[in-house]
Amino acid sequence: MSDAIPPFPSVGRVFAEQRLVGPGDTAADGRVRLDALADWLQAVAFADILDAGLQDFVLWVVRRVTLRITRFPRLGDRVEVRTSCSALGARWAERRTSLPGVEAVALWVAIDPHTLRPAKIDALADVYGESAGDRRVRSGLVHPTPPDDAHAQPWTFRRADLDLAEHVNNAAYWQALEEEDLPPAPLTVEVEHRVPSTLQPATLLSDGDRRWITHADGTVAASFLLLA
């Protein structure tokens, strides 16, 4: 697992939105699903970027997300989702998000809309420099590759999972964990994204507390760590 979830910034810019846990967000037992939580993280981050007037930085890809869940929000709950930038790098940023019962940290890589390659984010320091302070973040991968004897089963992405780039939306990967009998809170879950996926054959591998989604050629698209 990556480093522990850092404290939520005590100074600088904080953006917040209200969310109502609706029927489309919940599992059969009434708790919010992991993929719904991941979608909330993306939505509030996007809203923060627009609210800050940073329209030139609306394209980001998620490298890694860690969720620490002490209590799952449930159907009908109204929750405040707060987000702030907690660290900066050359072309990436760390974002802390907090809501009742859930603490999250995500590593985002900025993408140049013209070249579709990682973009420098010097301009973001004026907006997020105070909350980030002197914390610097790296974008390297930390999850291991799957062992040869990992249990394998087919995995299917849907057309509804695709985003504007016709890649699988980052939140959709979390659906793989929802196919399991998840342990109750408290639990910590981390997802690391390596390469994008399209509508192609995939395999879900499992070994102990780790999971991987791989393409037909064996390339790891995403990996998971689940700690109860």
Protein backbone atom coordinates (compact mmCIF):
# COMPACT_ATOMS: atom_id res chain seq x y z
CA MET A 1 0.00 0.00 0.00
CA SER A 2 1.06 3.59 -0.56
CA ASP A 3 1.81 5.90 2.36
CA ALA A 4 -0.88 6.43 5.00
CA ILE A 5 -3.70 8.85 4.27
CA PRO A 6 -2.38 12.33 5.19
CA PRO A 7 -4.35 14.72 7.40
CA PHE A 8 -6.93 16.87 5.66
CA PRO A 9 -5.36 20.29 4.96
CA SER A 10 -6.06 22.81 7.73
CA VAL A 11 -5.32 25.88 5.59
CA GLY A 12 -5.94 26.92 2.01
CA ARG A 13 -8.70 26.17 -0.44
CA VAL A 14 -11.42 23.68 0.49
CA PHE A 15 -14.33 22.90 -1.83
CA ALA A 16 -17.50 21.15 -0.66
CA GLU A 17 -20.66 19.70 -2.18
CA GLN A 18 -23.72 18.07 -0.68
CA ARG A 19 -24.68 14.55 -1.75
CA LEU A 20 -27.82 12.53 -1.18
CA VAL A 21 -27.26 8.77 -1.14
CA GLY A 22 -29.84 7.63 -3.69
CA PRO A 23 -31.08 4.24 -4.91
CA GLY A 24 -28.57 4.24 -7.78
CA ASP A 25 -25.68 4.59 -5.33
CA THR A 26 -26.43 1.69 -3.03
CA ALA A 27 -25.94 -2.05 -2.76
CA ALA A 28 -28.74 -4.44 -1.84
CA ASP A 29 -28.10 -3.91 1.89
CA GLY A 30 -28.52 -0.13 1.60
CA ARG A 31 -24.87 0.89 1.96
CA VAL A 32 -23.23 3.07 -0.65
CA ARG A 33 -21.25 1.07 -3.22
CA LEU A 34 -17.51 1.51 -3.71
CA ASP A 35 -17.92 2.52 -7.35
CA ALA A 36 -20.41 5.20 -6.30
CA LEU A 37 -17.93 6.56 -3.75
CA ALA A 38 -15.22 6.62 -6.42
CA ASP A 39 -17.56 8.51 -8.75
CA TRP A 40 -18.25 11.08 -6.02
CA LEU A 41 -14.51 11.67 -5.63
CA GLN A 42 -14.19 12.36 -9.37
CA ALA A 43 -17.27 14.58 -9.46
CA VAL A 44 -16.28 16.82 -6.55
CA ALA A 45 -12.72 17.15 -7.90
CA PHE A 46 -14.06 18.20 -11.31
CA ALA A 47 -16.44 20.69 -9.70
CA ASP A 48 -13.57 22.14 -7.66
CA ILE A 49 -11.42 22.65 -10.76
CA LEU A 50 -14.24 24.47 -12.56
CA ASP A 51 -15.14 26.55 -9.50
CA ALA A 52 -11.50 27.63 -9.18
CA GLY A 53 -11.49 28.89 -12.79
CA LEU A 54 -8.97 26.28 -13.94
CA GLN A 55 -10.71 25.28 -17.16
CA ASP A 56 -7.34 24.56 -18.80
CA PHE A 57 -6.83 21.75 -16.29
CA VAL A 58 -10.05 19.76 -16.63
CA LEU A 59 -8.35 16.64 -18.02
CA TRP A 60 -6.86 14.38 -15.37
CA VAL A 61 -6.29 10.65 -15.03
CA VAL A 62 -6.28 8.86 -11.71
CA ARG A 63 -3.14 6.91 -10.83
CA ARG A 64 -4.15 5.71 -7.36
CA VAL A 65 -7.04 6.04 -4.88
CA THR A 66 -7.10 4.95 -1.25
CA LEU A 67 -10.36 4.76 0.71
CA ARG A 68 -10.46 4.32 4.49
CA ILE A 69 -14.04 3.52 5.46
CA THR A 70 -15.08 3.50 9.12
CA ARG A 71 -18.79 3.70 8.32
CA PHE A 72 -20.57 3.35 5.00
CA PRO A 73 -23.04 6.13 4.14
CA ARG A 74 -26.48 4.60 3.65
CA LEU A 75 -29.56 5.14 1.51
CA GLY A 76 -31.16 8.49 2.30
CA ASP A 77 -28.13 9.97 4.06
CA ARG A 78 -27.23 13.54 3.19
CA VAL A 79 -23.48 13.95 3.30
CA GLU A 80 -21.06 16.81 2.76
CA VAL A 81 -18.13 15.87 0.51
CA ARG A 82 -15.09 18.10 1.17
CA THR A 83 -11.98 18.13 -1.00
CA SER A 84 -8.63 19.91 -1.00
CA CYS A 85 -5.22 19.57 -2.65
CA SER A 86 -2.81 18.04 -0.13
CA ALA A 87 0.40 17.81 -2.21
CA LEU A 88 1.81 18.81 -5.60
CA GLY A 89 4.28 17.29 -8.04
CA ALA A 90 5.69 18.28 -11.42
CA ARG A 91 2.70 16.98 -13.41
CA TRP A 92 0.47 15.48 -10.77
CA ALA A 93 -1.32 16.38 -7.58
CA GLU A 94 -2.61 14.63 -4.49
CA ARG A 95 -6.20 15.30 -3.51
CA ARG A 96 -7.69 14.63 -0.08
CA THR A 97 -11.42 14.10 0.16
CA SER A 98 -13.46 13.65 3.30
CA LEU A 99 -17.07 12.75 4.02
CA PRO A 100 -18.75 11.27 7.10
CA GLY A 101 -17.32 7.80 7.65
CA VAL A 102 -14.94 7.93 4.68
CA GLU A 103 -11.46 9.41 4.21
CA ALA A 104 -9.85 9.30 0.76
CA VAL A 105 -6.62 10.30 -0.93
CA ALA A 106 -6.09 10.20 -4.68
CA LEU A 107 -3.13 10.80 -6.97
CA TRP A 108 -4.16 12.60 -10.16
CA VAL A 109 -2.02 13.19 -13.26
CA ALA A 110 -2.76 16.31 -15.32
CA ILE A 111 -3.19 15.73 -19.06
CA ASP A 112 -2.56 18.29 -21.81
CA PRO A 113 -5.78 18.38 -23.90
CA HIS A 114 -3.82 18.91 -27.13
CA THR A 115 -0.99 16.37 -26.78
CA LEU A 116 -2.82 14.01 -24.36
CA ARG A 117 0.43 13.71 -22.43
CA PRO A 118 1.16 14.68 -18.79
CA ALA A 119 1.12 18.46 -18.43
CA LYS A 120 3.05 20.75 -16.09
CA ILE A 121 0.85 22.17 -13.34
CA ASP A 122 2.86 25.20 -12.21
CA ALA A 123 -0.24 27.39 -12.58
CA LEU A 124 -2.07 25.37 -9.95
CA ALA A 125 0.27 26.55 -7.19
CA ASP A 126 -1.52 29.90 -7.02
CA VAL A 127 -4.78 28.11 -6.16
CA TYR A 128 -3.63 25.03 -4.26
CA GLY A 129 -0.18 25.99 -3.00
CA GLU A 130 -1.36 26.99 0.48
CA SER A 131 -3.25 23.76 1.16
CA ALA A 132 -0.47 21.62 -0.35
CA GLY A 133 2.22 23.40 1.65
CA ASP A 134 5.66 21.88 1.14
CA ARG A 135 4.35 18.34 0.62
CA ARG A 136 5.54 16.80 -2.65
CA VAL A 137 4.12 13.68 -4.20
CA ARG A 138 5.50 11.12 -6.65
CA SER A 139 3.55 9.26 -9.31
CA GLY A 140 5.35 5.91 -9.22
CA LEU A 141 3.51 2.58 -9.06
CA VAL A 142 3.55 0.76 -5.72
CA HIS A 143 1.43 -2.36 -6.28
CA PRO A 144 3.07 -5.66 -7.26
CA THR A 145 2.21 -7.61 -10.39
CA PRO A 146 0.07 -10.75 -9.99
CA PRO A 147 1.64 -14.11 -9.16
CA ASP A 148 1.49 -16.87 -11.74
CA ASP A 149 -0.87 -18.95 -9.60
CA ALA A 150 -3.46 -16.22 -8.95
CA HIS A 151 -7.08 -17.37 -9.28
CA ALA A 152 -8.50 -16.19 -12.62
CA GLN A 153 -12.04 -15.51 -13.81
CA PRO A 154 -13.42 -13.61 -16.83
CA TRP A 155 -14.26 -9.93 -16.36
CA THR A 156 -16.42 -7.80 -18.64
CA PHE A 157 -16.59 -4.04 -19.04
CA ARG A 158 -19.77 -2.47 -20.46
CA ARG A 159 -20.22 0.28 -23.02
CA ALA A 160 -21.83 2.30 -20.23
CA ASP A 161 -18.45 2.22 -18.43
CA LEU A 162 -16.69 4.25 -21.15
CA ASP A 163 -15.77 7.92 -20.81
CA LEU A 164 -15.24 10.70 -23.38
CA ALA A 165 -11.97 9.13 -24.52
CA GLU A 166 -13.72 5.75 -24.95
CA HIS A 167 -11.69 4.40 -22.05
CA VAL A 168 -13.22 2.68 -19.04
CA ASN A 169 -14.06 5.28 -16.39
CA ASN A 170 -11.89 4.93 -13.29
CA ALA A 171 -14.91 4.48 -11.02
CA ALA A 172 -16.08 1.45 -13.03
CA TYR A 173 -13.08 -0.63 -11.92
CA TRP A 174 -14.39 -0.63 -8.36
CA GLN A 175 -17.35 -2.73 -9.52
CA ALA A 176 -15.03 -5.75 -9.45
CA LEU A 177 -14.90 -5.56 -5.65
CA GLU A 178 -18.67 -5.21 -5.47
CA GLU A 179 -18.98 -8.67 -7.03
CA GLU A 180 -17.52 -10.08 -3.82
CA ASP A 181 -19.03 -10.43 -0.36
CA LEU A 182 -17.34 -7.33 1.02
CA PRO A 183 -16.45 -7.29 4.71
CA PRO A 184 -18.21 -4.68 6.85
CA ALA A 185 -16.52 -1.44 7.85
CA PRO A 186 -13.93 -0.63 8.98
CA LEU A 187 -11.92 -1.45 5.90
CA THR A 188 -9.30 0.13 3.67
CA VAL A 189 -9.30 -0.26 -0.10
CA GLU A 190 -6.70 0.96 -2.58
CA VAL A 191 -6.91 0.90 -6.38
CA GLU A 192 -3.96 1.64 -8.66
CA HIS A 193 -4.50 2.33 -12.36
CA ARG A 194 -1.71 1.38 -14.78
CA VAL A 195 -3.05 1.54 -18.34
CA PRO A 196 -6.46 2.43 -19.80
CA SER A 197 -9.00 -0.21 -20.77
CA THR A 198 -11.45 -0.31 -23.66
CA LEU A 199 -14.21 -2.76 -24.57
CA GLN A 200 -11.95 -5.78 -24.73
CA PRO A 201 -11.70 -9.19 -23.05
CA ALA A 202 -10.37 -8.92 -19.50
CA THR A 203 -9.55 -11.20 -16.59
CA LEU A 204 -10.00 -10.64 -12.85
CA LEU A 205 -7.18 -12.21 -10.84
CA SER A 206 -7.21 -12.70 -7.08
CA ASP A 207 -4.61 -13.73 -4.51
CA GLY A 208 -5.27 -13.17 -0.82
CA ASP A 209 -6.12 -9.52 -0.20
CA ARG A 210 -5.06 -8.43 -3.72
CA ARG A 211 -6.92 -8.28 -7.04
CA TRP A 212 -5.86 -7.39 -10.58
CA ILE A 213 -7.75 -6.69 -13.80
CA THR A 214 -5.66 -7.69 -16.82
CA HIS A 215 -6.10 -7.47 -20.57
CA ALA A 216 -5.99 -10.48 -22.90
CA ASP A 217 -2.22 -10.04 -23.40
CA GLY A 218 -1.59 -10.10 -19.64
CA THR A 219 -1.11 -6.34 -19.23
CA VAL A 220 -2.28 -5.17 -15.81
CA ALA A 221 -4.87 -2.42 -16.19
CA ALA A 222 -5.63 -1.95 -12.50
CA SER A 223 -4.78 -3.53 -9.16
CA PHE A 224 -6.56 -3.58 -5.82
CA LEU A 225 -5.64 -4.03 -2.17
CA LEU A 226 -8.45 -4.82 0.28
CA LEU A 227 -7.73 -4.70 4.02
CA ALA A 228 -10.49 -5.44 6.54
